[in-house]
Amino acid sequence: MSDADNKVNYLKKLYKEIVLGFSVSEYSGKPIFIKHFSELDNGEQEACRIKYEEVAANKGLQTREDKMNLLLKEGYWSMEKETEIEKIKKEISDLELIRRNLVIKRQILQNKQKVSEATSKLNAILKEKEEIFGFCLEDFVGKKINEYTIFNSFFKDKSLQNKLFSEEEFDVLSELELGQLVNCLNNFYVNFSHSQIKRICACPFFPSLYNLSGDNAYYFYGKHVVDLTILQVNMFSQGKYFKALVESRGQQGLPPNDVMEDPDKMIEWFEAESETPKFTADGVSYVGATKEELRKMAGNNNAISVLDYAAKKGNSMTTKDFIEMHGI
């Protein structure tokens, strides 16, 4: 079995779990079922968040804003540090926006390296900030929400009717037992990240199934939108986006068969098609671009390579030659 086949088979398993609305894992040697949350479930979670905020306030915990004012006043933190945090965040955001319009591979790699360096610098400052700020109201609320999520994620049966633990049983779980559940849930979230959903939609089996739905989520899942899980909504939306991208290219713009059979190659193709700037003017050259990159930028097969043009001129080009190359 080829590497592409292995990928597709694994992604078919994830696809099945998204459609069913639950995943199967193991805890203490027994199968357990992980519920896929819906927006309604998230609404319940937000209601609990408000309750936990009230509890934290009654315990006398300060909000991060109040803690910030106190630390600034006493000189344990500075506005210069806050300004630096915002500056780096903007730098990362700007770099990511720039990357959307890059085509030359070398420039893309340089951009990613700059993002990585800025992110490392930002994380170091944020770590310093967390150590100084200590435990705040938001930290208490976050901890309680995490516990709420864990408690409501695990079930004994695939009908998702019987929770894995009663409230009393959950409250007395050891750190080790709770850690096992957290690891199980972390693995679940990794399996169903946005990048994984994109890979599912890029599989060769998915477009055929999606096209039968006529862009109708009810025909695809047999459920009303209000009853869909968040993963089901995300997968349907991603499938719709990929379909529109393929249709915009027409028959001449379809990827090669070997690309269509491999979800990761298809993702690269989709991203190249969605991020490549479209130029209508002919005769544009880009130093450092490969022929394939030039063709993508030009949107046709008439892109000009400076090296090829120079070769025709005996590897010696005058200003007049450059003007002629650009059709001016």
C-alpha atoms as a PDB file:
ATOM      1  CA  MET A   1       0.000   0.000   0.000  1.00  0.00           C
ATOM      2  CA  SER A   2       1.379   3.414  -0.991  1.00  0.00           C
ATOM      3  CA  ASP A   3       2.010   6.305   1.378  1.00  0.00           C
ATOM      4  CA  ALA A   4      -0.885   8.202  -0.205  1.00  0.00           C
ATOM      5  CA  ASP A   5      -3.228   5.232   0.376  1.00  0.00           C
ATOM      6  CA  ASN A   6      -2.206   5.088   4.042  1.00  0.00           C
ATOM      7  CA  LYS A   7      -2.967   8.782   4.436  1.00  0.00           C
ATOM      8  CA  VAL A   8      -6.372   8.444   2.819  1.00  0.00           C
ATOM      9  CA  ASN A   9      -7.329   5.413   4.924  1.00  0.00           C
ATOM     10  CA  TYR A  10      -6.428   7.259   8.119  1.00  0.00           C
ATOM     11  CA  LEU A  11      -8.367  10.352   7.027  1.00  0.00           C
ATOM     12  CA  LYS A  12     -11.379   8.185   6.134  1.00  0.00           C
ATOM     13  CA  LYS A  13     -11.449   7.091   9.780  1.00  0.00           C
ATOM     14  CA  LEU A  14     -11.471  10.732  10.923  1.00  0.00           C
ATOM     15  CA  TYR A  15     -14.155  11.537   8.351  1.00  0.00           C
ATOM     16  CA  LYS A  16     -16.349   8.745   9.750  1.00  0.00           C
ATOM     17  CA  GLU A  17     -15.945  10.058  13.300  1.00  0.00           C
ATOM     18  CA  ILE A  18     -16.866  13.597  12.266  1.00  0.00           C
ATOM     19  CA  VAL A  19     -20.011  12.352  10.508  1.00  0.00           C
ATOM     20  CA  LEU A  20     -21.011  10.208  13.521  1.00  0.00           C
ATOM     21  CA  GLY A  21     -20.326  13.033  15.989  1.00  0.00           C
ATOM     22  CA  PHE A  22     -18.063  11.103  18.365  1.00  0.00           C
ATOM     23  CA  SER A  23     -14.644   9.460  18.587  1.00  0.00           C
ATOM     24  CA  VAL A  24     -13.571   6.264  20.306  1.00  0.00           C
ATOM     25  CA  SER A  25     -10.593   6.093  22.650  1.00  0.00           C
ATOM     26  CA  GLU A  26      -9.462   3.992  25.607  1.00  0.00           C
ATOM     27  CA  TYR A  27      -9.277   4.612  29.348  1.00  0.00           C
ATOM     28  CA  SER A  28      -8.216   2.051  31.968  1.00  0.00           C
ATOM     29  CA  GLY A  29      -8.295  -0.678  29.347  1.00  0.00           C
ATOM     30  CA  LYS A  30     -11.888   0.035  28.320  1.00  0.00           C
ATOM     31  CA  PRO A  31     -13.328   1.864  25.291  1.00  0.00           C
ATOM     32  CA  ILE A  32     -14.659   5.368  25.935  1.00  0.00           C
ATOM     33  CA  PHE A  33     -16.492   7.778  23.642  1.00  0.00           C
ATOM     34  CA  ILE A  34     -15.533  11.415  23.115  1.00  0.00           C
ATOM     35  CA  LYS A  35     -18.376  13.763  22.249  1.00  0.00           C
ATOM     36  CA  HIS A  36     -17.901  16.292  19.451  1.00  0.00           C
ATOM     37  CA  PHE A  37     -19.279  19.583  20.770  1.00  0.00           C
ATOM     38  CA  SER A  38     -21.831  21.755  18.970  1.00  0.00           C
ATOM     39  CA  GLU A  39     -22.312  25.515  19.161  1.00  0.00           C
ATOM     40  CA  LEU A  40     -25.138  24.851  21.635  1.00  0.00           C
ATOM     41  CA  ASP A  41     -22.655  23.020  23.855  1.00  0.00           C
ATOM     42  CA  ASN A  42     -20.335  26.002  23.623  1.00  0.00           C
ATOM     43  CA  GLY A  43     -23.233  28.224  24.678  1.00  0.00           C
ATOM     44  CA  GLU A  44     -23.664  26.126  27.828  1.00  0.00           C
ATOM     45  CA  GLN A  45     -19.963  26.454  28.466  1.00  0.00           C
ATOM     46  CA  GLU A  46     -20.131  30.252  28.259  1.00  0.00           C
ATOM     47  CA  ALA A  47     -23.009  30.281  30.767  1.00  0.00           C
ATOM     48  CA  CYS A  48     -20.757  28.326  33.145  1.00  0.00           C
ATOM     49  CA  ARG A  49     -17.935  30.794  32.521  1.00  0.00           C
ATOM     50  CA  ILE A  50     -20.085  33.629  33.893  1.00  0.00           C
ATOM     51  CA  LYS A  51     -20.851  31.567  36.995  1.00  0.00           C
ATOM     52  CA  TYR A  52     -17.168  30.796  37.580  1.00  0.00           C
ATOM     53  CA  GLU A  53     -16.261  34.477  37.216  1.00  0.00           C
ATOM     54  CA  GLU A  54     -18.662  35.293  40.025  1.00  0.00           C
ATOM     55  CA  VAL A  55     -17.164  32.547  42.197  1.00  0.00           C
ATOM     56  CA  ALA A  56     -13.626  33.829  41.548  1.00  0.00           C
ATOM     57  CA  ALA A  57     -14.612  37.408  42.363  1.00  0.00           C
ATOM     58  CA  ASN A  58     -16.140  36.254  45.660  1.00  0.00           C
ATOM     59  CA  LYS A  59     -12.836  34.520  46.455  1.00  0.00           C
ATOM     60  CA  GLY A  60     -11.101  37.867  46.074  1.00  0.00           C
ATOM     61  CA  LEU A  61      -9.104  36.998  42.956  1.00  0.00           C
ATOM     62  CA  GLN A  62      -8.023  39.986  40.891  1.00  0.00           C
ATOM     63  CA  THR A  63      -8.638  40.299  37.168  1.00  0.00           C
ATOM     64  CA  ARG A  64      -5.589  40.582  34.926  1.00  0.00           C
ATOM     65  CA  GLU A  65      -6.444  44.234  34.326  1.00  0.00           C
ATOM     66  CA  ASP A  66      -6.502  45.008  38.061  1.00  0.00           C
ATOM     67  CA  LYS A  67      -3.292  43.009  38.554  1.00  0.00           C
ATOM     68  CA  MET A  68      -1.707  44.900  35.680  1.00  0.00           C
ATOM     69  CA  ASN A  69      -2.486  48.277  37.265  1.00  0.00           C
ATOM     70  CA  LEU A  70      -1.042  47.125  40.588  1.00  0.00           C
ATOM     71  CA  LEU A  71       2.172  45.730  39.073  1.00  0.00           C
ATOM     72  CA  LEU A  72       2.686  48.858  36.971  1.00  0.00           C
ATOM     73  CA  LYS A  73       2.174  51.042  40.005  1.00  0.00           C
ATOM     74  CA  GLU A  74       4.684  49.056  42.064  1.00  0.00           C
ATOM     75  CA  GLY A  75       7.200  48.803  39.213  1.00  0.00           C
ATOM     76  CA  TYR A  76       7.139  45.025  38.756  1.00  0.00           C
ATOM     77  CA  TRP A  77       6.007  45.451  35.117  1.00  0.00           C
ATOM     78  CA  SER A  78       6.247  48.247  32.580  1.00  0.00           C
ATOM     79  CA  MET A  79       4.263  49.731  29.740  1.00  0.00           C
ATOM     80  CA  GLU A  80       7.419  49.419  27.628  1.00  0.00           C
ATOM     81  CA  LYS A  81       7.082  45.632  27.900  1.00  0.00           C
ATOM     82  CA  GLU A  82       3.406  45.844  26.915  1.00  0.00           C
ATOM     83  CA  THR A  83       4.293  48.040  23.938  1.00  0.00           C
ATOM     84  CA  GLU A  84       6.962  45.538  22.882  1.00  0.00           C
ATOM     85  CA  ILE A  85       4.425  42.685  23.053  1.00  0.00           C
ATOM     86  CA  GLU A  86       1.986  44.562  20.810  1.00  0.00           C
ATOM     87  CA  LYS A  87       4.801  45.539  18.435  1.00  0.00           C
ATOM     88  CA  ILE A  88       5.905  41.915  17.976  1.00  0.00           C
ATOM     89  CA  LYS A  89       2.311  40.741  17.523  1.00  0.00           C
ATOM     90  CA  LYS A  90       1.840  43.315  14.763  1.00  0.00           C
ATOM     91  CA  GLU A  91       5.131  42.291  13.161  1.00  0.00           C
ATOM     92  CA  ILE A  92       3.995  38.649  13.055  1.00  0.00           C
ATOM     93  CA  SER A  93       0.602  39.642  11.665  1.00  0.00           C
ATOM     94  CA  ASP A  94       2.206  41.805   8.949  1.00  0.00           C
ATOM     95  CA  LEU A  95       4.621  39.028   7.964  1.00  0.00           C
ATOM     96  CA  GLU A  96       1.773  36.532   7.641  1.00  0.00           C
ATOM     97  CA  LEU A  97      -0.163  38.963   5.448  1.00  0.00           C
ATOM     98  CA  ILE A  98       2.893  39.476   3.250  1.00  0.00           C
ATOM     99  CA  ARG A  99       3.360  35.711   2.858  1.00  0.00           C
ATOM    100  CA  ARG A 100      -0.072  35.395   1.232  1.00  0.00           C
ATOM    101  CA  ASN A 101       1.252  37.337  -1.754  1.00  0.00           C
ATOM    102  CA  LEU A 102       4.631  35.626  -2.036  1.00  0.00           C
ATOM    103  CA  VAL A 103       5.301  33.085  -4.762  1.00  0.00           C
ATOM    104  CA  ILE A 104       9.082  32.642  -4.829  1.00  0.00           C
ATOM    105  CA  LYS A 105       9.969  29.731  -2.551  1.00  0.00           C
ATOM    106  CA  ARG A 106      13.122  31.366  -1.176  1.00  0.00           C
ATOM    107  CA  GLN A 107      11.160  34.439  -0.105  1.00  0.00           C
ATOM    108  CA  ILE A 108       8.455  32.276   1.503  1.00  0.00           C
ATOM    109  CA  LEU A 109      11.089  30.388   3.536  1.00  0.00           C
ATOM    110  CA  GLN A 110      12.711  33.651   4.621  1.00  0.00           C
ATOM    111  CA  ASN A 111       9.308  34.977   5.671  1.00  0.00           C
ATOM    112  CA  LYS A 112       8.570  31.842   7.721  1.00  0.00           C
ATOM    113  CA  GLN A 113      11.962  32.120   9.424  1.00  0.00           C
ATOM    114  CA  LYS A 114      11.236  35.717  10.437  1.00  0.00           C
ATOM    115  CA  VAL A 115       7.840  34.663  11.821  1.00  0.00           C
ATOM    116  CA  SER A 116       9.486  31.874  13.804  1.00  0.00           C
ATOM    117  CA  GLU A 117      12.082  34.233  15.285  1.00  0.00           C
ATOM    118  CA  ALA A 118       9.473  36.843  16.209  1.00  0.00           C
ATOM    119  CA  THR A 119       7.224  34.176  17.749  1.00  0.00           C
ATOM    120  CA  SER A 120      10.076  32.860  19.924  1.00  0.00           C
ATOM    121  CA  LYS A 121      10.809  36.378  21.116  1.00  0.00           C
ATOM    122  CA  LEU A 122       7.131  36.988  21.886  1.00  0.00           C
ATOM    123  CA  ASN A 123       6.803  33.718  23.819  1.00  0.00           C
ATOM    124  CA  ALA A 124       9.803  34.602  25.985  1.00  0.00           C
ATOM    125  CA  ILE A 125       8.263  37.937  27.004  1.00  0.00           C
ATOM    126  CA  LEU A 126       4.841  36.368  27.617  1.00  0.00           C
ATOM    127  CA  LYS A 127       6.438  33.699  29.818  1.00  0.00           C
ATOM    128  CA  GLU A 128       8.131  36.415  31.865  1.00  0.00           C
ATOM    129  CA  LYS A 129       4.797  38.213  32.183  1.00  0.00           C
ATOM    130  CA  GLU A 130       2.967  35.084  33.363  1.00  0.00           C
ATOM    131  CA  GLU A 131       5.563  34.444  36.048  1.00  0.00           C
ATOM    132  CA  ILE A 132       5.159  37.968  37.392  1.00  0.00           C
ATOM    133  CA  PHE A 133       1.361  38.095  37.207  1.00  0.00           C
ATOM    134  CA  GLY A 134       0.736  34.838  39.064  1.00  0.00           C
ATOM    135  CA  PHE A 135      -2.762  33.355  39.525  1.00  0.00           C
ATOM    136  CA  CYS A 136      -5.554  35.713  38.422  1.00  0.00           C
ATOM    137  CA  LEU A 137      -9.338  35.518  38.074  1.00  0.00           C
ATOM    138  CA  GLU A 138      -9.027  34.493  34.436  1.00  0.00           C
ATOM    139  CA  ASP A 139      -6.703  31.616  35.404  1.00  0.00           C
ATOM    140  CA  PHE A 140      -9.251  30.272  37.897  1.00  0.00           C
ATOM    141  CA  VAL A 141     -12.041  30.515  35.328  1.00  0.00           C
ATOM    142  CA  GLY A 142      -9.874  28.821  32.696  1.00  0.00           C
ATOM    143  CA  LYS A 143      -9.106  25.938  35.058  1.00  0.00           C
ATOM    144  CA  LYS A 144     -12.791  25.427  35.883  1.00  0.00           C
ATOM    145  CA  ILE A 145     -13.771  25.571  32.208  1.00  0.00           C
ATOM    146  CA  ASN A 146     -11.132  22.940  31.403  1.00  0.00           C
ATOM    147  CA  GLU A 147     -12.589  20.681  34.088  1.00  0.00           C
ATOM    148  CA  TYR A 148     -16.087  21.311  32.727  1.00  0.00           C
ATOM    149  CA  THR A 149     -14.911  20.381  29.213  1.00  0.00           C
ATOM    150  CA  ILE A 150     -13.245  17.166  30.398  1.00  0.00           C
ATOM    151  CA  PHE A 151     -16.279  16.099  32.443  1.00  0.00           C
ATOM    152  CA  ASN A 152     -18.678  16.656  29.539  1.00  0.00           C
ATOM    153  CA  SER A 153     -16.469  15.150  26.822  1.00  0.00           C
ATOM    154  CA  PHE A 154     -16.314  11.505  27.908  1.00  0.00           C
ATOM    155  CA  PHE A 155     -19.110   8.929  27.802  1.00  0.00           C
ATOM    156  CA  LYS A 156     -19.544   5.205  28.409  1.00  0.00           C
ATOM    157  CA  ASP A 157     -21.645   4.610  25.276  1.00  0.00           C
ATOM    158  CA  LYS A 158     -21.727   5.801  21.671  1.00  0.00           C
ATOM    159  CA  SER A 159     -25.240   7.162  22.144  1.00  0.00           C
ATOM    160  CA  LEU A 160     -23.562   9.747  24.423  1.00  0.00           C
ATOM    161  CA  GLN A 161     -26.218   9.311  27.103  1.00  0.00           C
ATOM    162  CA  ASN A 162     -24.141   8.080  30.056  1.00  0.00           C
ATOM    163  CA  LYS A 163     -21.165  10.156  31.180  1.00  0.00           C
ATOM    164  CA  LEU A 164     -17.978   8.303  32.019  1.00  0.00           C
ATOM    165  CA  PHE A 165     -18.044   9.676  35.574  1.00  0.00           C
ATOM    166  CA  SER A 166     -20.637  11.007  37.959  1.00  0.00           C
ATOM    167  CA  GLU A 167     -19.868  14.449  39.441  1.00  0.00           C
ATOM    168  CA  GLU A 168     -18.832  12.774  42.712  1.00  0.00           C
ATOM    169  CA  GLU A 169     -16.483  10.346  40.925  1.00  0.00           C
ATOM    170  CA  PHE A 170     -14.970  13.127  38.822  1.00  0.00           C
ATOM    171  CA  ASP A 171     -14.270  15.334  41.848  1.00  0.00           C
ATOM    172  CA  VAL A 172     -12.106  12.652  43.500  1.00  0.00           C
ATOM    173  CA  LEU A 173     -10.039  11.672  40.444  1.00  0.00           C
ATOM    174  CA  SER A 174      -6.302  11.636  41.121  1.00  0.00           C
ATOM    175  CA  GLU A 175      -3.893  13.906  39.245  1.00  0.00           C
ATOM    176  CA  LEU A 176      -2.677  10.853  37.334  1.00  0.00           C
ATOM    177  CA  GLU A 177      -6.207   9.865  36.264  1.00  0.00           C
ATOM    178  CA  LEU A 178      -7.051  13.428  35.291  1.00  0.00           C
ATOM    179  CA  GLY A 179      -3.794  13.663  33.358  1.00  0.00           C
ATOM    180  CA  GLN A 180      -4.705  10.555  31.350  1.00  0.00           C
ATOM    181  CA  LEU A 181      -8.016  12.131  30.375  1.00  0.00           C
ATOM    182  CA  VAL A 182      -6.305  15.388  29.437  1.00  0.00           C
ATOM    183  CA  ASN A 183      -3.819  13.516  27.205  1.00  0.00           C
ATOM    184  CA  CYS A 184      -6.688  11.649  25.575  1.00  0.00           C
ATOM    185  CA  LEU A 185      -8.494  14.924  24.868  1.00  0.00           C
ATOM    186  CA  ASN A 186      -5.313  16.615  23.615  1.00  0.00           C
ATOM    187  CA  ASN A 187      -4.774  13.787  21.120  1.00  0.00           C
ATOM    188  CA  PHE A 188      -8.369  14.207  20.005  1.00  0.00           C
ATOM    189  CA  TYR A 189      -7.898  17.917  19.327  1.00  0.00           C
ATOM    190  CA  VAL A 190      -4.688  17.232  17.386  1.00  0.00           C
ATOM    191  CA  ASN A 191      -6.470  14.663  15.212  1.00  0.00           C
ATOM    192  CA  PHE A 192      -9.248  17.119  14.426  1.00  0.00           C
ATOM    193  CA  SER A 193      -7.268  20.326  13.990  1.00  0.00           C
ATOM    194  CA  HIS A 194      -8.149  22.631  11.106  1.00  0.00           C
ATOM    195  CA  SER A 195      -5.209  21.299   9.090  1.00  0.00           C
ATOM    196  CA  GLN A 196      -6.532  17.743   9.461  1.00  0.00           C
ATOM    197  CA  ILE A 197     -10.005  18.791   8.328  1.00  0.00           C
ATOM    198  CA  LYS A 198      -8.426  20.384   5.251  1.00  0.00           C
ATOM    199  CA  ARG A 199      -6.634  17.094   4.530  1.00  0.00           C
ATOM    200  CA  ILE A 200      -9.937  15.181   4.800  1.00  0.00           C
ATOM    201  CA  CYS A 201     -11.569  17.526   2.297  1.00  0.00           C
ATOM    202  CA  ALA A 202      -8.565  17.137  -0.019  1.00  0.00           C
ATOM    203  CA  CYS A 203      -8.953  13.338  -0.140  1.00  0.00           C
ATOM    204  CA  PRO A 204     -10.096  11.826  -3.469  1.00  0.00           C
ATOM    205  CA  PHE A 205     -13.238  10.307  -1.891  1.00  0.00           C
ATOM    206  CA  PHE A 206     -14.526  13.550  -0.377  1.00  0.00           C
ATOM    207  CA  PRO A 207     -15.476  15.663  -3.459  1.00  0.00           C
ATOM    208  CA  SER A 208     -17.703  12.872  -4.821  1.00  0.00           C
ATOM    209  CA  LEU A 209     -19.628  12.679  -1.549  1.00  0.00           C
ATOM    210  CA  TYR A 210     -19.805  16.439  -1.145  1.00  0.00           C
ATOM    211  CA  ASN A 211     -21.027  17.055  -4.705  1.00  0.00           C
ATOM    212  CA  LEU A 212     -23.995  14.742  -4.120  1.00  0.00           C
ATOM    213  CA  SER A 213     -25.232  17.099  -1.371  1.00  0.00           C
ATOM    214  CA  GLY A 214     -25.774  20.017  -3.732  1.00  0.00           C
ATOM    215  CA  ASP A 215     -24.092  22.335  -1.190  1.00  0.00           C
ATOM    216  CA  ASN A 216     -26.848  21.430   1.282  1.00  0.00           C
ATOM    217  CA  ALA A 217     -25.627  20.475   4.777  1.00  0.00           C
ATOM    218  CA  TYR A 218     -28.857  18.591   5.545  1.00  0.00           C
ATOM    219  CA  TYR A 219     -28.399  16.338   2.510  1.00  0.00           C
ATOM    220  CA  PHE A 220     -24.783  15.745   3.527  1.00  0.00           C
ATOM    221  CA  TYR A 221     -25.330  14.935   7.223  1.00  0.00           C
ATOM    222  CA  GLY A 222     -29.073  14.283   7.475  1.00  0.00           C
ATOM    223  CA  LYS A 223     -29.237  16.854  10.288  1.00  0.00           C
ATOM    224  CA  HIS A 224     -30.419  20.428  10.633  1.00  0.00           C
ATOM    225  CA  VAL A 225     -27.682  23.034  10.926  1.00  0.00           C
ATOM    226  CA  VAL A 226     -28.552  23.768  14.559  1.00  0.00           C
ATOM    227  CA  ASP A 227     -27.804  20.117  15.410  1.00  0.00           C
ATOM    228  CA  LEU A 228     -24.420  19.967  13.690  1.00  0.00           C
ATOM    229  CA  THR A 229     -21.208  19.641  15.645  1.00  0.00           C
ATOM    230  CA  ILE A 230     -18.547  22.302  15.198  1.00  0.00           C
ATOM    231  CA  LEU A 231     -16.367  19.788  13.346  1.00  0.00           C
ATOM    232  CA  GLN A 232     -19.217  18.965  10.969  1.00  0.00           C
ATOM    233  CA  VAL A 233     -19.725  22.657  10.223  1.00  0.00           C
ATOM    234  CA  ASN A 234     -15.990  23.186   9.666  1.00  0.00           C
ATOM    235  CA  MET A 235     -15.655  20.184   7.361  1.00  0.00           C
ATOM    236  CA  PHE A 236     -18.678  21.192   5.280  1.00  0.00           C
ATOM    237  CA  SER A 237     -17.444  24.794   4.979  1.00  0.00           C
ATOM    238  CA  GLN A 238     -13.959  23.658   3.963  1.00  0.00           C
ATOM    239  CA  GLY A 239     -15.420  21.252   1.413  1.00  0.00           C
ATOM    240  CA  LYS A 240     -17.505  24.057  -0.071  1.00  0.00           C
ATOM    241  CA  TYR A 241     -14.438  26.306  -0.309  1.00  0.00           C
ATOM    242  CA  PHE A 242     -12.336  23.660  -2.063  1.00  0.00           C
ATOM    243  CA  LYS A 243     -15.171  22.915  -4.488  1.00  0.00           C
ATOM    244  CA  ALA A 244     -15.484  26.590  -5.416  1.00  0.00           C
ATOM    245  CA  LEU A 245     -11.726  26.830  -5.915  1.00  0.00           C
ATOM    246  CA  VAL A 246     -11.677  23.845  -8.302  1.00  0.00           C
ATOM    247  CA  GLU A 247     -14.683  25.146 -10.236  1.00  0.00           C
ATOM    248  CA  SER A 248     -13.068  28.565 -10.633  1.00  0.00           C
ATOM    249  CA  ARG A 249     -10.151  26.914 -12.449  1.00  0.00           C
ATOM    250  CA  GLY A 250     -12.267  24.966 -14.920  1.00  0.00           C
ATOM    251  CA  GLN A 251     -11.192  21.770 -16.655  1.00  0.00           C
ATOM    252  CA  GLN A 252      -7.865  23.261 -17.743  1.00  0.00           C
ATOM    253  CA  GLY A 253      -6.952  24.088 -14.135  1.00  0.00           C
ATOM    254  CA  LEU A 254      -7.385  20.625 -12.576  1.00  0.00           C
ATOM    255  CA  PRO A 255      -4.319  19.181 -10.815  1.00  0.00           C
ATOM    256  CA  PRO A 256      -2.496  16.089 -12.173  1.00  0.00           C
ATOM    257  CA  ASN A 257      -3.780  12.639 -11.141  1.00  0.00           C
ATOM    258  CA  ASP A 258      -0.814  11.937  -8.840  1.00  0.00           C
ATOM    259  CA  VAL A 259      -1.594  15.159  -6.985  1.00  0.00           C
ATOM    260  CA  MET A 260      -5.300  14.367  -6.680  1.00  0.00           C
ATOM    261  CA  GLU A 261      -4.502  10.989  -5.088  1.00  0.00           C
ATOM    262  CA  ASP A 262      -2.413  12.494  -2.265  1.00  0.00           C
ATOM    263  CA  PRO A 263      -4.238  14.818   0.195  1.00  0.00           C
ATOM    264  CA  ASP A 264      -1.052  16.648   1.198  1.00  0.00           C
ATOM    265  CA  LYS A 265      -0.143  17.368  -2.427  1.00  0.00           C
ATOM    266  CA  MET A 266      -3.703  18.536  -2.989  1.00  0.00           C
ATOM    267  CA  ILE A 267      -3.418  20.924  -0.029  1.00  0.00           C
ATOM    268  CA  GLU A 268      -0.273  22.390  -1.592  1.00  0.00           C
ATOM    269  CA  TRP A 269      -2.113  22.756  -4.898  1.00  0.00           C
ATOM    270  CA  PHE A 270      -5.142  24.417  -3.248  1.00  0.00           C
ATOM    271  CA  GLU A 271      -2.941  26.839  -1.314  1.00  0.00           C
ATOM    272  CA  ALA A 272      -0.888  27.683  -4.379  1.00  0.00           C
ATOM    273  CA  GLU A 273      -4.048  28.389  -6.368  1.00  0.00           C
ATOM    274  CA  SER A 274      -5.659  30.476  -3.628  1.00  0.00           C
ATOM    275  CA  GLU A 275      -2.547  32.476  -2.680  1.00  0.00           C
ATOM    276  CA  THR A 276      -0.893  33.044  -6.068  1.00  0.00           C
ATOM    277  CA  PRO A 277      -1.405  36.641  -7.253  1.00  0.00           C
ATOM    278  CA  LYS A 278      -3.073  36.803 -10.661  1.00  0.00           C
ATOM    279  CA  PHE A 279      -1.457  39.146 -13.211  1.00  0.00           C
ATOM    280  CA  THR A 280      -3.095  40.221 -16.435  1.00  0.00           C
ATOM    281  CA  ALA A 281      -0.109  42.088 -17.882  1.00  0.00           C
ATOM    282  CA  ASP A 282       2.389  40.142 -20.017  1.00  0.00           C
ATOM    283  CA  GLY A 283       6.159  40.536 -19.961  1.00  0.00           C
ATOM    284  CA  VAL A 284       6.754  40.742 -16.198  1.00  0.00           C
ATOM    285  CA  SER A 285       9.992  39.246 -14.826  1.00  0.00           C
ATOM    286  CA  TYR A 286      10.951  38.374 -11.241  1.00  0.00           C
ATOM    287  CA  VAL A 287      14.610  37.848 -10.317  1.00  0.00           C
ATOM    288  CA  GLY A 288      15.046  34.638  -8.301  1.00  0.00           C
ATOM    289  CA  ALA A 289      11.804  33.006  -9.453  1.00  0.00           C
ATOM    290  CA  THR A 290      11.782  29.573 -11.057  1.00  0.00           C
ATOM    291  CA  LYS A 291      10.048  29.037 -14.384  1.00  0.00           C
ATOM    292  CA  GLU A 292       7.129  27.353 -12.642  1.00  0.00           C
ATOM    293  CA  GLU A 293       6.788  30.267 -10.209  1.00  0.00           C
ATOM    294  CA  LEU A 294       6.874  32.713 -13.087  1.00  0.00           C
ATOM    295  CA  ARG A 295       4.133  30.792 -14.904  1.00  0.00           C
ATOM    296  CA  LYS A 296       1.937  30.890 -11.798  1.00  0.00           C
ATOM    297  CA  MET A 297       2.496  34.623 -11.367  1.00  0.00           C
ATOM    298  CA  ALA A 298       1.722  35.307 -14.985  1.00  0.00           C
ATOM    299  CA  GLY A 299      -1.265  32.990 -15.029  1.00  0.00           C
ATOM    300  CA  ASN A 300      -0.127  31.414 -18.317  1.00  0.00           C
ATOM    301  CA  ASN A 301       2.822  29.745 -20.012  1.00  0.00           C
ATOM    302  CA  ASN A 302       4.260  32.971 -21.471  1.00  0.00           C
ATOM    303  CA  ALA A 303       6.240  34.036 -18.405  1.00  0.00           C
ATOM    304  CA  ILE A 304       9.689  35.416 -19.179  1.00  0.00           C
ATOM    305  CA  SER A 305      12.844  34.039 -17.537  1.00  0.00           C
ATOM    306  CA  VAL A 306      15.610  36.643 -17.398  1.00  0.00           C
ATOM    307  CA  LEU A 307      18.254  33.927 -17.781  1.00  0.00           C
ATOM    308  CA  ASP A 308      16.565  32.442 -20.862  1.00  0.00           C
ATOM    309  CA  TYR A 309      16.208  35.846 -22.448  1.00  0.00           C
ATOM    310  CA  ALA A 310      19.808  36.718 -21.652  1.00  0.00           C
ATOM    311  CA  ALA A 311      20.984  33.468 -23.247  1.00  0.00           C
ATOM    312  CA  LYS A 312      19.299  34.476 -26.487  1.00  0.00           C
ATOM    313  CA  LYS A 313      21.271  37.723 -26.313  1.00  0.00           C
ATOM    314  CA  GLY A 314      24.575  35.967 -25.809  1.00  0.00           C
ATOM    315  CA  ASN A 315      24.449  36.449 -22.020  1.00  0.00           C
ATOM    316  CA  SER A 316      24.916  40.152 -22.470  1.00  0.00           C
ATOM    317  CA  MET A 317      21.915  42.461 -22.035  1.00  0.00           C
ATOM    318  CA  THR A 318      21.695  46.200 -22.486  1.00  0.00           C
ATOM    319  CA  THR A 319      19.085  48.566 -21.114  1.00  0.00           C
ATOM    320  CA  LYS A 320      17.434  48.404 -24.513  1.00  0.00           C
ATOM    321  CA  ASP A 321      17.184  44.585 -24.195  1.00  0.00           C
ATOM    322  CA  PHE A 322      15.419  44.855 -20.812  1.00  0.00           C
ATOM    323  CA  ILE A 323      12.955  47.378 -22.287  1.00  0.00           C
ATOM    324  CA  GLU A 324      12.327  45.040 -25.216  1.00  0.00           C
ATOM    325  CA  MET A 325      11.868  42.024 -22.898  1.00  0.00           C
ATOM    326  CA  HIS A 326       9.121  43.827 -21.009  1.00  0.00           C
ATOM    327  CA  GLY A 327       7.380  44.848 -24.197  1.00  0.00           C
ATOM    328  CA  ILE A 328       7.732  48.572 -23.574  1.00  0.00           C
END
